[in-house]
């Protein structure tokens, strides 16, 4: 099972489609494509009856390429990964990172599909799908796509936390083109699972992912913003761009950059409370330096950057063992 996010910026836990459902969808698509091809061929035969044999052959080849090759490519591009067969079987083609496919993905899938589906009667596609752990054929491997099931129980949908309101739209002018799809997938999977992680492990993972994203975008997390909130804000910006690209619209989420910057400067004191599961342990951010206690009972010497606190004079009779525990008076 794969946790992905669709192009509509909705987080879903989707299952990769298995061979039977994919085969049924391909069969429906082939029946529809062949019906259209026969209709076009009959119309061309009638309209080109006066042409010579070479011209009729050229027209037939052009009709084959346009209907059986160009048709599926155009349908998948315009429908964002859905075709007649996939729509009937509840399937959809998405990128490896869960986003909607584009023309180049549909073009590679269609071109490879001519060889592994039409020319080999689907034998190569069936073998590749059986060998692949996620049921991908060669066209999916070369295009970087995955066919997934859309019809799943709603109760199993994971929740991707949105960024805090004061971070919405903060990165509307960020260049996200250098961030690879694999890193986006890792960020999405972390955001959906961060509530299940150990706080210290989750914080370290968020810092590592935030550093990778900042290195590729050139925009580090603002001062005082938890790395998980930074990742959520950047992820929301990317999902908003994907949704605008797929369905139109030009208004950025959360307003313009100016209003977002003003909101970011007015950060509430308890802003990081929205991400309790990824906060660092209390000892990582102490309010004041506290000496560590070693098993031998002796306190460690503070570092050079930290001033050693002045020791208060104590009675010899009131001196207690340095065990780190102060019994009640």
Protein backbone atom coordinates (compact mmCIF):
# COMPACT_ATOMS: atom_id res chain seq x y z
CA UNK A 1 0.00 0.00 0.00
CA UNK A 2 1.33 3.45 -0.94
CA UNK A 3 0.52 6.77 0.70
CA UNK A 4 0.20 9.36 -2.03
CA UNK A 5 -1.33 12.78 -2.63
CA UNK A 6 -3.47 13.40 -5.68
CA UNK A 7 -3.20 16.38 -7.97
CA UNK A 8 -6.26 17.92 -6.34
CA UNK A 9 -4.05 18.50 -3.28
CA UNK A 10 -5.94 15.85 -1.30
CA UNK A 11 -3.94 13.35 0.71
CA UNK A 12 -5.05 9.80 0.09
CA UNK A 13 -3.83 6.39 1.03
CA UNK A 14 -4.04 4.62 -2.32
CA UNK A 15 -3.40 1.05 -3.27
CA UNK A 16 -1.38 0.30 -6.41
CA UNK A 17 -3.67 -1.33 -8.96
CA UNK A 18 -3.20 -5.05 -9.44
CA UNK A 19 -3.01 -6.92 -12.72
CA UNK A 20 -6.69 -8.04 -13.00
CA UNK A 21 -8.13 -4.54 -12.60
CA UNK A 22 -5.52 -3.05 -14.91
CA UNK A 23 -6.15 -5.73 -17.55
CA UNK A 24 -9.89 -5.05 -17.43
CA UNK A 25 -9.29 -1.31 -17.80
CA UNK A 26 -6.96 -1.89 -20.77
CA UNK A 27 -9.51 -4.19 -22.37
CA UNK A 28 -12.23 -1.54 -22.09
CA UNK A 29 -9.88 1.09 -23.51
CA UNK A 30 -8.91 -1.19 -26.41
CA UNK A 31 -12.54 -1.95 -27.26
CA UNK A 32 -13.36 1.77 -27.30
CA UNK A 33 -10.21 2.59 -29.31
CA UNK A 34 -10.85 -0.18 -31.85
CA UNK A 35 -14.46 0.94 -32.28
CA UNK A 36 -13.27 4.49 -32.97
CA UNK A 37 -10.54 3.19 -35.29
CA UNK A 38 -13.00 1.11 -37.31
CA UNK A 39 -15.38 4.05 -37.63
CA UNK A 40 -12.55 6.35 -38.75
CA UNK A 41 -11.23 3.73 -41.18
CA UNK A 42 -14.62 3.24 -42.80
CA UNK A 43 -15.02 6.99 -43.18
CA UNK A 44 -11.54 7.28 -44.70
CA UNK A 45 -12.10 4.41 -47.11
CA UNK A 46 -15.25 6.05 -48.40
CA UNK A 47 -13.65 9.49 -48.66
CA UNK A 48 -10.36 8.31 -50.23
CA UNK A 49 -11.77 5.83 -52.73
CA UNK A 50 -10.39 7.86 -55.60
CA UNK A 51 -6.80 7.90 -54.31
CA UNK A 52 -4.09 5.47 -55.35
CA UNK A 53 -2.97 2.55 -53.17
CA UNK A 54 0.06 4.33 -51.71
CA UNK A 55 -2.04 7.29 -50.58
CA UNK A 56 -4.62 5.02 -49.01
CA UNK A 57 -1.87 3.15 -47.14
CA UNK A 58 -0.43 6.41 -45.82
CA UNK A 59 -3.86 7.55 -44.68
CA UNK A 60 -4.44 4.20 -42.93
CA UNK A 61 -1.12 4.44 -41.08
CA UNK A 62 -1.90 8.01 -40.04
CA UNK A 63 -5.32 6.95 -38.78
CA UNK A 64 -3.76 4.10 -36.80
CA UNK A 65 -1.25 6.41 -35.13
CA UNK A 66 -3.77 9.13 -34.42
CA UNK A 67 -6.54 6.93 -33.04
CA UNK A 68 -4.76 4.01 -31.35
CA UNK A 69 -1.64 5.88 -30.19
CA UNK A 70 -2.48 9.58 -30.07
CA UNK A 71 -6.00 9.01 -28.74
CA UNK A 72 -5.02 7.37 -25.44
CA UNK A 73 -2.21 9.91 -24.95
CA UNK A 74 -4.62 12.83 -25.42
CA UNK A 75 -7.26 11.27 -23.16
CA UNK A 76 -4.80 10.60 -20.31
CA UNK A 77 -3.33 14.10 -20.61
CA UNK A 78 -6.67 15.92 -20.63
CA UNK A 79 -8.23 13.75 -17.91
CA UNK A 80 -5.12 13.82 -15.67
CA UNK A 81 -4.53 10.07 -15.72
CA UNK A 82 -8.02 8.74 -16.29
CA UNK A 83 -9.36 6.92 -19.32
CA UNK A 84 -12.67 5.25 -20.04
CA UNK A 85 -11.46 1.89 -18.73
CA UNK A 86 -9.72 3.36 -15.71
CA UNK A 87 -12.76 5.44 -14.88
CA UNK A 88 -14.95 2.33 -15.01
CA UNK A 89 -12.53 0.35 -12.81
CA UNK A 90 -11.80 3.16 -10.37
CA UNK A 91 -8.16 3.55 -11.39
CA UNK A 92 -5.96 6.52 -12.12
CA UNK A 93 -2.41 7.15 -13.38
CA UNK A 94 -0.31 9.36 -11.10
CA UNK A 95 3.35 10.27 -10.87
CA UNK A 96 5.66 8.41 -8.53
CA UNK A 97 5.26 11.24 -6.01
CA UNK A 98 1.46 11.18 -6.29
CA UNK A 99 0.97 14.26 -8.45
CA UNK A 100 -1.05 14.41 -11.68
CA UNK A 101 0.64 13.27 -14.87
CA UNK A 102 1.48 15.63 -17.71
CA UNK A 103 1.82 15.24 -21.46
CA UNK A 104 5.35 13.84 -21.30
CA UNK A 105 4.24 11.08 -18.92
CA UNK A 106 1.29 10.14 -21.14
CA UNK A 107 3.51 10.28 -24.24
CA UNK A 108 6.06 7.84 -22.80
CA UNK A 109 3.32 5.51 -21.56
CA UNK A 110 1.58 5.55 -24.92
CA UNK A 111 4.75 5.06 -26.97
CA UNK A 112 5.93 2.12 -24.87
CA UNK A 113 2.39 0.74 -24.77
CA UNK A 114 2.41 0.30 -28.54
CA UNK A 115 5.21 -2.25 -28.13
CA UNK A 116 4.25 -3.99 -24.90
CA UNK A 117 0.47 -4.01 -25.40
CA UNK A 118 -0.45 -3.74 -29.10
CA UNK A 119 2.50 -5.51 -30.77
CA UNK A 120 2.87 -8.29 -28.18
CA UNK A 121 -0.83 -8.65 -27.33
CA UNK A 122 -0.14 -7.49 -23.78
CA UNK A 123 2.20 -10.37 -22.91
CA UNK A 124 5.17 -8.11 -22.08
CA UNK A 125 2.94 -5.80 -20.03
CA UNK A 126 1.52 -8.73 -18.05
CA UNK A 127 4.97 -10.13 -17.28
CA UNK A 128 6.30 -6.72 -16.20
CA UNK A 129 3.24 -6.11 -14.02
CA UNK A 130 3.62 -9.48 -12.32
CA UNK A 131 7.31 -8.94 -11.64
CA UNK A 132 6.89 -5.39 -10.32
CA UNK A 133 6.06 -5.04 -6.62
CA UNK A 134 3.63 -2.21 -7.42
CA UNK A 135 2.19 -3.76 -10.57
CA UNK A 136 3.90 -1.36 -12.98
CA UNK A 137 4.39 -2.13 -16.64
CA UNK A 138 7.38 -0.93 -18.66
CA UNK A 139 5.59 2.23 -19.70
CA UNK A 140 5.10 3.18 -16.04
CA UNK A 141 8.75 2.47 -15.25
CA UNK A 142 10.08 4.65 -18.08
CA UNK A 143 7.53 7.42 -17.49
CA UNK A 144 7.87 7.45 -13.68
CA UNK A 145 4.18 6.79 -13.13
CA UNK A 146 1.99 4.45 -11.12
CA UNK A 147 -1.58 3.22 -11.61
CA UNK A 148 -3.47 3.39 -8.31
CA UNK A 149 -6.95 2.64 -7.04
CA UNK A 150 -9.05 5.65 -6.17
CA UNK A 151 -12.00 3.88 -4.57
CA UNK A 152 -10.89 3.19 -1.01
CA UNK A 153 -12.73 3.52 2.32
CA UNK A 154 -12.76 7.12 3.48
CA UNK A 155 -11.93 6.14 7.05
CA UNK A 156 -8.47 5.00 6.03
CA UNK A 157 -7.45 8.35 4.59
CA UNK A 158 -4.43 9.78 6.42
CA UNK A 159 -4.40 13.41 7.43
CA UNK A 160 -1.72 15.80 6.23
CA UNK A 161 -1.68 18.70 8.71
CA UNK A 162 -1.93 22.12 7.08
CA UNK A 163 0.63 24.78 7.96
CA UNK A 164 -0.19 27.35 10.64
CA UNK A 165 -2.25 30.30 9.36
CA UNK A 166 0.67 32.69 9.74
CA UNK A 167 2.68 30.54 7.30
CA UNK A 168 -0.01 30.18 4.61
CA UNK A 169 1.28 31.74 1.39
CA UNK A 170 4.67 32.52 2.94
CA UNK A 171 6.48 30.66 0.14
CA UNK A 172 4.28 31.70 -2.80
CA UNK A 173 7.30 33.04 -4.70
CA UNK A 174 9.53 30.04 -4.02
CA UNK A 175 11.14 28.14 -6.91
CA UNK A 176 10.22 24.48 -6.36
CA UNK A 177 11.41 23.15 -9.72
CA UNK A 178 14.69 21.80 -8.33
CA UNK A 179 13.04 19.60 -5.69
CA UNK A 180 12.92 16.00 -6.99
CA UNK A 181 9.77 13.92 -6.86
CA UNK A 182 11.35 11.45 -4.44
CA UNK A 183 11.93 14.18 -1.87
CA UNK A 184 8.31 15.37 -2.18
CA UNK A 185 7.11 11.84 -1.57
CA UNK A 186 9.36 11.55 1.51
CA UNK A 187 8.00 14.84 2.89
CA UNK A 188 4.40 13.75 2.33
CA UNK A 189 4.95 10.41 3.98
CA UNK A 190 6.61 12.10 6.94
CA UNK A 191 3.77 14.61 7.38
CA UNK A 192 1.17 11.84 7.38
CA UNK A 193 3.11 9.69 9.86
CA UNK A 194 4.75 12.23 12.15
CA UNK A 195 2.15 11.74 14.86
CA UNK A 196 3.21 8.08 15.08
CA UNK A 197 6.94 8.78 15.45
CA UNK A 198 8.97 9.18 18.58
CA UNK A 199 9.32 12.95 19.23
CA UNK A 200 13.12 12.93 19.06
CA UNK A 201 13.20 10.75 15.93
CA UNK A 202 10.47 12.83 14.29
CA UNK A 203 12.28 16.08 15.04
CA UNK A 204 15.55 14.78 13.57
CA UNK A 205 13.75 13.53 10.46
CA UNK A 206 11.95 16.86 10.01
CA UNK A 207 15.22 18.77 10.32
CA UNK A 208 16.88 16.54 7.73
CA UNK A 209 14.00 16.87 5.27
CA UNK A 210 13.76 20.63 5.83
CA UNK A 211 17.50 20.97 5.17
CA UNK A 212 17.17 19.00 1.92
CA UNK A 213 14.24 21.15 0.76
CA UNK A 214 15.99 24.37 1.76
CA UNK A 215 19.15 23.32 -0.09
CA UNK A 216 17.21 22.85 -3.34
CA UNK A 217 14.96 25.90 -3.02
CA UNK A 218 17.42 28.34 -1.47
CA UNK A 219 14.90 29.36 1.20
CA UNK A 220 15.61 28.01 4.69
CA UNK A 221 12.96 27.84 7.37
CA UNK A 222 12.29 31.25 8.98
CA UNK A 223 13.71 31.86 12.42
CA UNK A 224 11.69 30.13 15.11
CA UNK A 225 9.54 28.06 12.73
CA UNK A 226 9.55 24.32 13.48
CA UNK A 227 10.87 22.25 10.57
CA UNK A 228 7.59 20.30 10.36
CA UNK A 229 5.60 23.54 9.96
CA UNK A 230 8.08 24.68 7.29
CA UNK A 231 7.63 21.39 5.40
CA UNK A 232 3.84 21.66 5.65
CA UNK A 233 3.89 25.22 4.29
CA UNK A 234 6.12 24.33 1.35
CA UNK A 235 4.05 21.22 0.64
CA UNK A 236 0.82 23.24 0.67
CA UNK A 237 2.34 25.71 -1.78
CA UNK A 238 3.29 22.92 -4.16
CA UNK A 239 -0.13 21.28 -3.92
CA UNK A 240 -1.78 24.64 -4.60
CA UNK A 241 0.35 25.10 -7.72
CA UNK A 242 -0.50 21.60 -8.91
CA UNK A 243 -4.21 22.29 -8.39
CA UNK A 244 -4.03 25.63 -10.24
CA UNK A 245 -2.11 24.01 -13.08
CA UNK A 246 -4.63 21.17 -13.34
CA UNK A 247 -7.87 23.12 -12.86
CA UNK A 248 -6.93 26.71 -13.67
CA UNK A 249 -6.82 29.76 -11.44
CA UNK A 250 -4.10 32.23 -10.60
CA UNK A 251 -4.82 33.37 -7.05
CA UNK A 252 -2.12 32.03 -4.69
CA UNK A 253 -3.19 30.31 -1.54
CA UNK A 254 -3.13 32.52 1.53
CA UNK A 255 -2.88 35.85 -0.30
CA UNK A 256 0.13 37.60 -1.70
CA UNK A 257 3.68 37.40 -0.53
CA UNK A 258 3.49 40.79 1.15
CA UNK A 259 0.62 39.85 3.42
CA UNK A 260 2.28 36.52 4.14
CA UNK A 261 5.53 38.19 5.12
CA UNK A 262 3.65 40.50 7.43
CA UNK A 263 1.88 37.55 8.98
CA UNK A 264 5.16 35.72 9.37
CA UNK A 265 6.67 38.63 11.27
CA UNK A 266 3.72 38.55 13.68
CA UNK A 267 4.34 34.98 14.73
CA UNK A 268 2.32 34.04 17.79
CA UNK A 269 4.36 32.90 20.78
CA UNK A 270 2.78 29.45 20.86
CA UNK A 271 2.85 28.90 17.10
CA UNK A 272 4.76 25.64 17.30
CA UNK A 273 2.09 24.09 19.53
CA UNK A 274 0.27 22.89 16.42
CA UNK A 275 3.02 20.32 15.89
CA UNK A 276 3.44 18.71 19.32
CA UNK A 277 4.47 15.34 17.98
CA UNK A 278 7.59 16.69 16.32
CA UNK A 279 8.84 19.02 19.00
CA UNK A 280 12.33 18.37 20.30
CA UNK A 281 12.65 16.83 23.74
CA UNK A 282 12.58 19.32 26.59
CA UNK A 283 16.25 18.76 27.32
CA UNK A 284 17.22 19.89 23.80
CA UNK A 285 16.05 23.45 24.45
CA UNK A 286 16.55 24.11 28.20
CA UNK A 287 15.54 27.47 29.54
CA UNK A 288 18.83 27.74 31.40
CA UNK A 289 22.01 25.67 31.42
CA UNK A 290 21.74 22.76 33.81
CA UNK A 291 24.74 20.67 34.82
CA UNK A 292 24.62 17.02 33.90
CA UNK A 293 24.96 14.44 36.65
CA UNK A 294 27.30 11.53 36.03
CA UNK A 295 26.86 8.12 37.58
CA UNK A 296 29.87 8.76 39.79
CA UNK A 297 27.92 11.51 41.52
CA UNK A 298 30.12 14.39 40.30
CA UNK A 299 28.63 17.19 38.25
CA UNK A 300 30.10 17.94 34.83
CA UNK A 301 31.89 21.24 34.27
CA UNK A 302 29.92 23.76 32.20
CA UNK A 303 31.29 24.58 28.75
CA UNK A 304 33.37 27.67 28.11
CA UNK A 305 30.46 29.47 26.44
CA UNK A 306 28.25 28.97 29.47
CA UNK A 307 28.98 30.82 32.63
CA UNK A 308 29.34 28.58 35.66
CA UNK A 309 26.71 29.46 38.25
CA UNK A 310 28.01 30.65 41.59
CA UNK A 311 27.76 27.97 44.27
CA UNK A 312 25.83 29.05 47.33
CA UNK A 313 27.53 28.40 50.70
CA UNK A 314 26.12 25.42 52.52
CA UNK A 315 26.40 24.05 56.00
CA UNK A 316 28.44 20.98 56.54
CA UNK A 317 25.52 19.37 58.37
CA UNK A 318 22.98 20.20 55.65
CA UNK A 319 25.09 18.85 52.81
CA UNK A 320 23.30 16.12 50.88
CA UNK A 321 24.74 13.60 48.45
CA UNK A 322 24.94 14.85 44.85
CA UNK A 323 22.58 12.28 43.40
CA UNK A 324 20.51 14.70 41.37
CA UNK A 325 17.47 14.14 43.58
CA UNK A 326 16.53 16.65 46.28
CA UNK A 327 14.45 15.07 49.02
CA UNK A 328 11.62 17.15 50.43
CA UNK A 329 12.54 19.42 53.35
